[in-house]
């Protein structure tokens, strides 16, 4: 294992008083528990590789990139997502300290508004959905929210997926 990128995710928004336990745990599990389990499972493999590299006098640098979000600072209707993304930042900082001795560079990238299928403008009354484990989850953003967010972005538009990918590659 030379690199792990924890990037899976979706949103299932609701105000906290309306959020179900199912919504809370689904997002926490996807954005925080899954990366934890992946990294926990990878640790013995990475550790063994690092020991072998050291015994052979080689320095091999490995990389972990965890995807967080500016939502880690709080977004209305996203207490689940905000908590998970803040947790990713904490886990990243911890693993950077724990795995540095293994020559593993652990970083998080916290994106703002990126144009994806999850952030497309809603078209009239039609809600787009994605199927997650048999549940139809509404996705999309009201155009006025996209316009407001875009006006606060120095480029005047959301980031593109290709731009986001470039920051991960870097």
N, C-alpha and C. Protein backbone atom coordinates (compact mmCIF):
# COMPACT_ATOMS: atom_id res chain seq x y z
N UNK A 1 0.86 -1.18 0.00
CA UNK A 1 0.00 0.00 0.00
C UNK A 1 0.89 1.23 0.00
N UNK A 2 0.77 2.05 -1.02
CA UNK A 2 1.54 3.29 -1.10
C UNK A 2 0.70 4.53 -0.87
N UNK A 3 -0.60 4.43 -1.17
CA UNK A 3 -1.47 5.60 -1.00
C UNK A 3 -2.89 5.13 -0.74
N UNK A 4 -3.56 5.85 0.13
CA UNK A 4 -4.99 5.64 0.39
C UNK A 4 -5.65 7.00 0.32
N UNK A 5 -6.73 7.08 -0.45
CA UNK A 5 -7.53 8.31 -0.52
C UNK A 5 -8.93 7.96 -0.04
N UNK A 6 -9.33 8.54 1.07
CA UNK A 6 -10.67 8.34 1.61
C UNK A 6 -11.57 9.45 1.09
N UNK A 7 -12.36 9.11 0.05
CA UNK A 7 -13.12 10.12 -0.67
C UNK A 7 -14.62 9.82 -0.79
N UNK A 8 -15.07 8.66 -0.37
CA UNK A 8 -16.49 8.32 -0.54
C UNK A 8 -17.35 9.26 0.29
N UNK A 9 -18.52 9.58 -0.22
CA UNK A 9 -19.41 10.40 0.57
C UNK A 9 -20.64 10.87 -0.17
N UNK A 10 -21.58 11.29 0.61
CA UNK A 10 -22.81 11.90 0.12
C UNK A 10 -23.39 12.68 1.29
N UNK A 11 -24.43 13.43 1.05
CA UNK A 11 -25.08 14.15 2.14
C UNK A 11 -26.52 13.68 2.28
N UNK A 12 -27.01 13.74 3.50
CA UNK A 12 -28.41 13.43 3.80
C UNK A 12 -28.81 14.45 4.85
N UNK A 13 -29.18 15.63 4.36
CA UNK A 13 -29.37 16.80 5.20
C UNK A 13 -30.73 16.85 5.87
N UNK A 14 -30.74 17.49 7.01
CA UNK A 14 -31.96 17.82 7.73
C UNK A 14 -31.58 18.67 8.93
N UNK A 15 -32.50 19.51 9.36
CA UNK A 15 -32.28 20.25 10.59
C UNK A 15 -32.21 19.26 11.75
N UNK A 16 -31.47 19.60 12.78
CA UNK A 16 -31.22 18.63 13.84
C UNK A 16 -32.50 18.11 14.48
N UNK A 17 -33.51 18.97 14.64
CA UNK A 17 -34.76 18.52 15.26
C UNK A 17 -35.55 17.56 14.36
N UNK A 18 -35.22 17.53 13.08
CA UNK A 18 -35.90 16.63 12.14
C UNK A 18 -35.02 15.45 11.72
N UNK A 19 -33.74 15.48 12.07
CA UNK A 19 -32.82 14.44 11.65
C UNK A 19 -33.08 13.15 12.42
N UNK A 20 -33.19 12.07 11.67
CA UNK A 20 -33.40 10.77 12.30
C UNK A 20 -32.06 10.15 12.70
N UNK A 21 -32.12 9.18 13.58
CA UNK A 21 -30.90 8.43 13.92
C UNK A 21 -30.33 7.77 12.67
N UNK A 22 -31.20 7.31 11.79
CA UNK A 22 -30.75 6.67 10.55
C UNK A 22 -29.92 7.65 9.71
N UNK A 23 -30.41 8.89 9.59
CA UNK A 23 -29.66 9.91 8.83
C UNK A 23 -28.32 10.20 9.50
N UNK A 24 -28.33 10.36 10.81
CA UNK A 24 -27.11 10.66 11.55
C UNK A 24 -26.07 9.57 11.32
N UNK A 25 -26.44 8.33 11.62
CA UNK A 25 -25.47 7.23 11.55
C UNK A 25 -25.04 6.89 10.13
N UNK A 26 -25.93 7.05 9.16
CA UNK A 26 -25.56 6.77 7.77
C UNK A 26 -24.41 7.68 7.34
N UNK A 27 -24.49 8.95 7.67
CA UNK A 27 -23.46 9.90 7.25
C UNK A 27 -22.19 9.74 8.10
N UNK A 28 -22.33 9.56 9.39
CA UNK A 28 -21.17 9.32 10.26
C UNK A 28 -20.45 8.06 9.80
N UNK A 29 -21.21 7.00 9.50
CA UNK A 29 -20.60 5.74 9.07
C UNK A 29 -19.86 5.90 7.75
N UNK A 30 -20.45 6.61 6.80
CA UNK A 30 -19.83 6.77 5.48
C UNK A 30 -18.59 7.67 5.55
N UNK A 31 -18.71 8.81 6.20
CA UNK A 31 -17.65 9.82 6.16
C UNK A 31 -16.57 9.65 7.22
N UNK A 32 -16.88 8.95 8.32
CA UNK A 32 -15.91 8.86 9.41
C UNK A 32 -15.58 7.41 9.79
N UNK A 33 -16.58 6.59 9.96
CA UNK A 33 -16.33 5.21 10.38
C UNK A 33 -15.65 4.41 9.27
N UNK A 34 -16.09 4.55 8.04
CA UNK A 34 -15.45 3.80 6.93
C UNK A 34 -13.98 4.16 6.78
N UNK A 35 -13.60 5.45 6.74
CA UNK A 35 -12.17 5.76 6.68
C UNK A 35 -11.39 5.19 7.88
N UNK A 36 -11.97 5.27 9.08
CA UNK A 36 -11.34 4.69 10.26
C UNK A 36 -11.06 3.21 10.05
N UNK A 37 -12.07 2.49 9.59
CA UNK A 37 -11.90 1.04 9.40
C UNK A 37 -10.88 0.71 8.30
N UNK A 38 -10.90 1.48 7.23
CA UNK A 38 -9.92 1.27 6.14
C UNK A 38 -8.51 1.50 6.66
N UNK A 39 -8.30 2.58 7.39
CA UNK A 39 -6.97 2.91 7.88
C UNK A 39 -6.53 1.94 8.97
N UNK A 40 -7.44 1.53 9.82
CA UNK A 40 -7.10 0.53 10.84
C UNK A 40 -6.65 -0.76 10.19
N UNK A 41 -7.36 -1.19 9.14
CA UNK A 41 -7.01 -2.43 8.44
C UNK A 41 -5.68 -2.29 7.70
N UNK A 42 -5.38 -1.09 7.21
CA UNK A 42 -4.15 -0.87 6.45
C UNK A 42 -2.92 -0.77 7.35
N UNK A 43 -3.08 -0.40 8.60
CA UNK A 43 -1.94 -0.13 9.48
C UNK A 43 -0.97 -1.30 9.58
N UNK A 44 -1.41 -2.52 9.83
CA UNK A 44 -0.42 -3.61 9.93
C UNK A 44 0.36 -3.83 8.63
N UNK A 45 -0.29 -3.64 7.51
CA UNK A 45 0.37 -3.81 6.21
C UNK A 45 1.41 -2.71 6.01
N UNK A 46 1.01 -1.48 6.28
CA UNK A 46 1.92 -0.34 6.12
C UNK A 46 3.09 -0.47 7.09
N UNK A 47 2.81 -0.86 8.32
CA UNK A 47 3.86 -1.02 9.32
C UNK A 47 4.87 -2.08 8.88
N UNK A 48 4.39 -3.21 8.39
CA UNK A 48 5.28 -4.28 7.92
C UNK A 48 6.12 -3.80 6.73
N UNK A 49 5.48 -3.07 5.81
CA UNK A 49 6.22 -2.53 4.67
C UNK A 49 7.31 -1.57 5.13
N UNK A 50 6.98 -0.70 6.09
CA UNK A 50 7.94 0.29 6.59
C UNK A 50 9.13 -0.41 7.26
N UNK A 51 8.86 -1.45 8.04
CA UNK A 51 9.94 -2.19 8.70
C UNK A 51 10.84 -2.88 7.67
N UNK A 52 10.23 -3.45 6.64
CA UNK A 52 11.00 -4.11 5.59
C UNK A 52 11.86 -3.08 4.85
N UNK A 53 11.26 -1.94 4.52
CA UNK A 53 12.00 -0.88 3.83
C UNK A 53 13.21 -0.44 4.67
N UNK A 54 12.99 -0.23 5.96
CA UNK A 54 14.07 0.22 6.85
C UNK A 54 15.18 -0.84 6.93
N UNK A 55 14.79 -2.11 7.02
CA UNK A 55 15.78 -3.19 7.10
C UNK A 55 16.62 -3.27 5.83
N UNK A 56 16.03 -2.88 4.71
CA UNK A 56 16.74 -2.90 3.42
C UNK A 56 17.42 -1.57 3.12
N UNK A 57 17.35 -0.64 4.07
CA UNK A 57 18.01 0.65 3.89
C UNK A 57 17.32 1.57 2.90
N UNK A 58 16.04 1.34 2.65
CA UNK A 58 15.30 2.18 1.70
C UNK A 58 14.33 3.07 2.46
N UNK A 59 14.16 4.28 1.95
CA UNK A 59 13.13 5.16 2.50
C UNK A 59 12.01 5.27 1.46
N UNK A 60 10.87 4.70 1.78
CA UNK A 60 9.71 4.76 0.90
C UNK A 60 8.66 5.61 1.60
N UNK A 61 8.24 6.67 0.95
CA UNK A 61 7.24 7.56 1.51
C UNK A 61 5.86 7.14 1.03
N UNK A 62 4.96 7.01 1.96
CA UNK A 62 3.58 6.64 1.64
C UNK A 62 2.67 7.83 1.97
N UNK A 63 1.43 7.75 1.49
CA UNK A 63 0.54 8.90 1.58
C UNK A 63 -0.89 8.47 1.92
N UNK A 64 -1.49 9.21 2.83
CA UNK A 64 -2.92 9.09 3.14
C UNK A 64 -3.53 10.46 2.88
N UNK A 65 -4.61 10.49 2.11
CA UNK A 65 -5.35 11.74 1.88
C UNK A 65 -6.80 11.49 2.29
N UNK A 66 -7.21 12.18 3.32
CA UNK A 66 -8.59 12.11 3.79
C UNK A 66 -9.34 13.34 3.29
N UNK A 67 -10.52 13.12 2.75
CA UNK A 67 -11.30 14.24 2.23
C UNK A 67 -12.24 14.75 3.32
N UNK A 68 -12.05 16.01 3.67
CA UNK A 68 -12.91 16.67 4.63
C UNK A 68 -13.73 17.72 3.86
N UNK A 69 -14.13 18.76 4.53
CA UNK A 69 -14.96 19.78 3.90
C UNK A 69 -14.96 21.02 4.77
N UNK A 70 -15.24 22.16 4.16
CA UNK A 70 -15.44 23.36 4.96
C UNK A 70 -16.67 23.20 5.85
N UNK A 71 -17.51 22.21 5.56
CA UNK A 71 -18.66 21.91 6.41
C UNK A 71 -18.22 21.49 7.81
N UNK A 72 -16.94 21.12 7.98
CA UNK A 72 -16.42 20.78 9.30
C UNK A 72 -16.60 21.94 10.27
N UNK A 73 -16.69 23.14 9.75
CA UNK A 73 -16.91 24.33 10.57
C UNK A 73 -18.37 24.60 10.85
N UNK A 74 -19.26 23.77 10.31
CA UNK A 74 -20.69 23.92 10.55
C UNK A 74 -21.43 24.42 9.33
N UNK A 75 -22.47 23.70 8.96
CA UNK A 75 -23.38 24.09 7.86
C UNK A 75 -24.79 23.82 8.32
N UNK A 76 -25.68 24.78 8.09
CA UNK A 76 -27.05 24.55 8.52
C UNK A 76 -27.63 23.33 7.81
N UNK A 77 -28.32 22.52 8.57
CA UNK A 77 -28.94 21.31 8.04
C UNK A 77 -27.97 20.15 7.87
N UNK A 78 -26.74 20.31 8.33
CA UNK A 78 -25.74 19.26 8.13
C UNK A 78 -24.99 18.92 9.42
N UNK A 79 -25.69 18.77 10.52
CA UNK A 79 -24.98 18.44 11.76
C UNK A 79 -24.26 17.09 11.62
N UNK A 80 -24.86 16.15 10.89
CA UNK A 80 -24.22 14.85 10.68
C UNK A 80 -22.95 14.97 9.84
N UNK A 81 -23.04 15.64 8.71
CA UNK A 81 -21.91 15.81 7.82
C UNK A 81 -20.82 16.68 8.47
N UNK A 82 -21.22 17.75 9.14
CA UNK A 82 -20.26 18.63 9.79
C UNK A 82 -19.48 17.89 10.87
N UNK A 83 -20.18 17.09 11.66
CA UNK A 83 -19.52 16.32 12.72
C UNK A 83 -18.54 15.31 12.12
N UNK A 84 -18.96 14.63 11.05
CA UNK A 84 -18.09 13.64 10.42
C UNK A 84 -16.85 14.29 9.81
N UNK A 85 -17.03 15.41 9.12
CA UNK A 85 -15.90 16.06 8.47
C UNK A 85 -14.95 16.68 9.49
N UNK A 86 -15.47 17.17 10.62
CA UNK A 86 -14.59 17.64 11.70
C UNK A 86 -13.84 16.46 12.30
N UNK A 87 -14.51 15.33 12.42
CA UNK A 87 -13.85 14.12 12.92
C UNK A 87 -12.72 13.66 12.02
N UNK A 88 -12.90 13.81 10.71
CA UNK A 88 -11.84 13.45 9.75
C UNK A 88 -10.60 14.31 9.99
N UNK A 89 -10.80 15.58 10.28
CA UNK A 89 -9.66 16.46 10.55
C UNK A 89 -8.92 15.99 11.80
N UNK A 90 -9.66 15.67 12.86
CA UNK A 90 -9.03 15.18 14.08
C UNK A 90 -8.30 13.86 13.87
N UNK A 91 -8.93 12.95 13.13
CA UNK A 91 -8.30 11.66 12.86
C UNK A 91 -7.04 11.85 12.01
N UNK A 92 -7.09 12.75 11.05
CA UNK A 92 -5.93 13.03 10.20
C UNK A 92 -4.77 13.54 11.03
N UNK A 93 -5.01 14.47 11.92
CA UNK A 93 -3.94 15.02 12.77
C UNK A 93 -3.34 13.94 13.66
N UNK A 94 -4.20 13.08 14.19
CA UNK A 94 -3.72 11.99 15.04
C UNK A 94 -2.86 11.01 14.26
N UNK A 95 -3.34 10.60 13.09
CA UNK A 95 -2.57 9.63 12.30
C UNK A 95 -1.27 10.23 11.78
N UNK A 96 -1.25 11.52 11.51
CA UNK A 96 0.00 12.16 11.09
C UNK A 96 1.05 11.99 12.18
N UNK A 97 0.64 12.10 13.43
CA UNK A 97 1.56 11.92 14.56
C UNK A 97 1.93 10.46 14.75
N UNK A 98 0.95 9.57 14.62
CA UNK A 98 1.20 8.15 14.84
C UNK A 98 1.99 7.49 13.71
N UNK A 99 1.75 7.90 12.47
CA UNK A 99 2.32 7.21 11.31
C UNK A 99 3.52 7.91 10.69
N UNK A 100 3.88 9.07 11.20
CA UNK A 100 5.06 9.75 10.68
C UNK A 100 6.30 8.88 10.78
N UNK A 101 6.43 8.13 11.88
CA UNK A 101 7.59 7.25 12.07
C UNK A 101 7.63 6.14 11.03
N UNK A 102 6.47 5.88 10.40
CA UNK A 102 6.40 4.86 9.34
C UNK A 102 6.63 5.47 7.96
N UNK A 103 6.99 6.74 7.93
CA UNK A 103 7.22 7.48 6.68
C UNK A 103 5.92 7.64 5.87
N UNK A 104 4.82 7.83 6.61
CA UNK A 104 3.52 8.05 5.97
C UNK A 104 3.12 9.50 6.21
N UNK A 105 2.87 10.21 5.14
CA UNK A 105 2.40 11.58 5.18
C UNK A 105 0.88 11.53 5.17
N UNK A 106 0.25 12.04 6.22
CA UNK A 106 -1.20 11.98 6.35
C UNK A 106 -1.75 13.41 6.30
N UNK A 107 -2.60 13.67 5.32
CA UNK A 107 -3.19 15.00 5.14
C UNK A 107 -4.69 14.88 4.91
N UNK A 108 -5.35 16.00 5.14
CA UNK A 108 -6.76 16.12 4.78
C UNK A 108 -6.89 17.30 3.83
N UNK A 109 -7.78 17.18 2.88
CA UNK A 109 -8.14 18.27 2.00
C UNK A 109 -9.59 18.62 2.32
N UNK A 110 -9.83 19.88 2.63
CA UNK A 110 -11.18 20.31 3.00
C UNK A 110 -11.72 21.22 1.90
N UNK A 111 -12.56 20.63 1.07
CA UNK A 111 -13.11 21.36 -0.05
C UNK A 111 -14.25 22.27 0.38
N UNK A 112 -14.44 23.29 -0.43
CA UNK A 112 -15.62 24.13 -0.33
C UNK A 112 -16.67 23.59 -1.29
N UNK A 113 -17.32 24.48 -1.99
CA UNK A 113 -18.40 24.10 -2.91
C UNK A 113 -17.80 23.56 -4.20
N UNK A 114 -17.96 22.27 -4.44
CA UNK A 114 -17.48 21.62 -5.66
C UNK A 114 -18.70 21.18 -6.47
N UNK A 115 -18.67 21.46 -7.75
CA UNK A 115 -19.76 21.11 -8.66
C UNK A 115 -19.73 19.61 -8.94
N UNK A 116 -20.68 18.88 -8.35
CA UNK A 116 -20.82 17.44 -8.57
C UNK A 116 -22.28 17.12 -8.79
N UNK A 117 -22.57 15.87 -9.02
CA UNK A 117 -23.98 15.47 -9.19
C UNK A 117 -24.79 15.70 -7.93
N UNK A 118 -24.11 15.78 -6.77
CA UNK A 118 -24.81 16.02 -5.52
C UNK A 118 -25.16 17.49 -5.32
N UNK A 119 -24.47 18.38 -6.04
CA UNK A 119 -24.68 19.82 -5.85
C UNK A 119 -25.29 20.49 -7.06
N UNK A 120 -25.84 19.72 -7.97
CA UNK A 120 -26.51 20.29 -9.14
C UNK A 120 -27.77 21.03 -8.70
N UNK A 121 -28.15 22.03 -9.48
CA UNK A 121 -29.35 22.80 -9.18
C UNK A 121 -30.58 21.92 -9.32
N UNK A 122 -31.48 22.08 -8.37
CA UNK A 122 -32.77 21.40 -8.45
C UNK A 122 -33.56 22.01 -9.60
N UNK A 123 -34.24 21.19 -10.36
CA UNK A 123 -35.03 21.66 -11.50
C UNK A 123 -36.50 21.67 -11.11
N UNK A 124 -37.02 22.85 -10.79
CA UNK A 124 -38.43 22.98 -10.44
C UNK A 124 -38.77 22.13 -9.22
N UNK A 125 -39.87 21.39 -9.33
CA UNK A 125 -40.32 20.54 -8.23
C UNK A 125 -39.68 19.15 -8.28
N UNK A 126 -38.91 18.90 -9.33
CA UNK A 126 -38.32 17.58 -9.47
C UNK A 126 -37.10 17.43 -8.57
N UNK A 127 -37.16 16.44 -7.70
CA UNK A 127 -36.02 16.14 -6.85
C UNK A 127 -35.22 15.02 -7.47
N UNK A 128 -33.92 15.20 -7.52
CA UNK A 128 -33.04 14.13 -7.96
C UNK A 128 -32.75 13.26 -6.74
N UNK A 129 -32.54 12.00 -6.97
CA UNK A 129 -32.20 11.11 -5.88
C UNK A 129 -31.03 10.22 -6.26
N UNK A 130 -30.35 9.73 -5.24
CA UNK A 130 -29.36 8.68 -5.42
C UNK A 130 -29.80 7.51 -4.55
N UNK A 131 -29.44 6.33 -4.93
CA UNK A 131 -29.82 5.15 -4.16
C UNK A 131 -28.62 4.72 -3.33
N UNK A 132 -28.80 4.77 -2.02
CA UNK A 132 -27.77 4.36 -1.07
C UNK A 132 -28.36 3.25 -0.22
N UNK A 133 -27.85 2.04 -0.41
CA UNK A 133 -28.29 0.88 0.37
C UNK A 133 -29.81 0.75 0.37
N UNK A 134 -30.42 0.94 -0.79
CA UNK A 134 -31.87 0.78 -0.93
C UNK A 134 -32.69 1.99 -0.51
N UNK A 135 -32.03 3.05 -0.06
CA UNK A 135 -32.74 4.27 0.33
C UNK A 135 -32.59 5.30 -0.78
N UNK A 136 -33.67 5.95 -1.15
CA UNK A 136 -33.61 7.03 -2.12
C UNK A 136 -33.35 8.33 -1.36
N UNK A 137 -32.16 8.90 -1.56
CA UNK A 137 -31.74 10.11 -0.87
C UNK A 137 -31.84 11.27 -1.85
N UNK A 138 -32.56 12.33 -1.45
CA UNK A 138 -32.68 13.51 -2.30
C UNK A 138 -31.35 14.23 -2.37
N UNK A 139 -30.97 14.64 -3.56
CA UNK A 139 -29.74 15.41 -3.76
C UNK A 139 -30.05 16.65 -4.57
N UNK A 140 -29.14 17.57 -4.55
CA UNK A 140 -29.32 18.80 -5.30
C UNK A 140 -29.44 19.99 -4.37
N UNK A 141 -29.29 21.15 -4.95
CA UNK A 141 -29.27 22.40 -4.19
C UNK A 141 -30.18 23.39 -4.89
N UNK A 142 -30.90 24.16 -4.12
CA UNK A 142 -31.74 25.20 -4.71
C UNK A 142 -30.85 26.23 -5.41
N UNK A 143 -31.28 26.68 -6.56
CA UNK A 143 -30.49 27.60 -7.38
C UNK A 143 -30.09 28.85 -6.61
N UNK A 144 -30.96 29.37 -5.79
CA UNK A 144 -30.62 30.58 -5.04
C UNK A 144 -29.47 30.34 -4.07
N UNK A 145 -29.37 29.15 -3.51
CA UNK A 145 -28.24 28.82 -2.62
C UNK A 145 -26.95 28.70 -3.42
N UNK A 146 -27.05 28.13 -4.62
CA UNK A 146 -25.88 28.05 -5.50
C UNK A 146 -25.40 29.45 -5.85
N UNK A 147 -26.35 30.32 -6.20
CA UNK A 147 -26.00 31.70 -6.57
C UNK A 147 -25.35 32.44 -5.39
N UNK A 148 -25.92 32.28 -4.20
CA UNK A 148 -25.37 32.94 -3.01
C UNK A 148 -23.97 32.43 -2.72
N UNK A 149 -23.79 31.11 -2.75
CA UNK A 149 -22.47 30.53 -2.50
C UNK A 149 -21.48 30.97 -3.55
N UNK A 150 -21.90 30.98 -4.80
CA UNK A 150 -21.00 31.37 -5.90
C UNK A 150 -20.54 32.81 -5.76
N UNK A 151 -21.42 33.68 -5.28
CA UNK A 151 -21.04 35.09 -5.13
C UNK A 151 -19.99 35.29 -4.04
N UNK A 152 -19.90 34.36 -3.11
CA UNK A 152 -18.91 34.45 -2.03
C UNK A 152 -17.58 33.78 -2.40
N UNK A 153 -17.53 33.10 -3.53
CA UNK A 153 -16.32 32.41 -3.97
C UNK A 153 -15.52 33.36 -4.86
N UNK A 154 -14.24 33.57 -4.57
CA UNK A 154 -13.45 34.52 -5.36
C UNK A 154 -13.49 34.26 -6.87
N UNK A 155 -13.57 33.00 -7.30
CA UNK A 155 -13.65 32.71 -8.73
C UNK A 155 -15.05 33.00 -9.29
N UNK A 156 -16.03 33.20 -8.40
CA UNK A 156 -17.39 33.48 -8.83
C UNK A 156 -18.16 32.24 -9.25
N UNK A 157 -17.61 31.06 -8.95
CA UNK A 157 -18.27 29.81 -9.31
C UNK A 157 -17.76 28.70 -8.40
N UNK A 158 -18.51 27.61 -8.33
CA UNK A 158 -18.02 26.45 -7.57
C UNK A 158 -16.77 25.86 -8.22
N UNK A 159 -16.02 25.14 -7.44
CA UNK A 159 -14.88 24.42 -7.98
C UNK A 159 -15.35 23.26 -8.84
N UNK A 160 -14.50 22.83 -9.74
CA UNK A 160 -14.81 21.69 -10.61
C UNK A 160 -14.14 20.44 -10.04
N UNK A 161 -14.73 19.29 -10.35
CA UNK A 161 -14.18 18.03 -9.85
C UNK A 161 -12.72 17.85 -10.25
N UNK A 162 -12.37 18.27 -11.45
CA UNK A 162 -10.99 18.14 -11.93
C UNK A 162 -10.04 18.99 -11.08
N UNK A 163 -10.51 20.17 -10.67
CA UNK A 163 -9.69 21.04 -9.82
C UNK A 163 -9.49 20.40 -8.43
N UNK A 164 -10.57 19.82 -7.92
CA UNK A 164 -10.47 19.15 -6.62
C UNK A 164 -9.50 17.98 -6.70
N UNK A 165 -9.61 17.21 -7.76
CA UNK A 165 -8.72 16.06 -7.93
C UNK A 165 -7.26 16.52 -8.00
N UNK A 166 -7.01 17.63 -8.62
CA UNK A 166 -5.64 18.15 -8.72
C UNK A 166 -5.04 18.44 -7.35
N UNK A 167 -5.86 18.95 -6.42
CA UNK A 167 -5.32 19.24 -5.08
C UNK A 167 -5.01 17.95 -4.33
N UNK A 168 -5.73 16.89 -4.61
CA UNK A 168 -5.45 15.60 -3.98
C UNK A 168 -4.16 15.02 -4.55
N UNK A 169 -4.00 15.11 -5.86
CA UNK A 169 -2.78 14.60 -6.50
C UNK A 169 -1.56 15.35 -5.97
N UNK A 170 -1.70 16.68 -5.80
CA UNK A 170 -0.58 17.48 -5.32
C UNK A 170 -0.16 16.99 -3.95
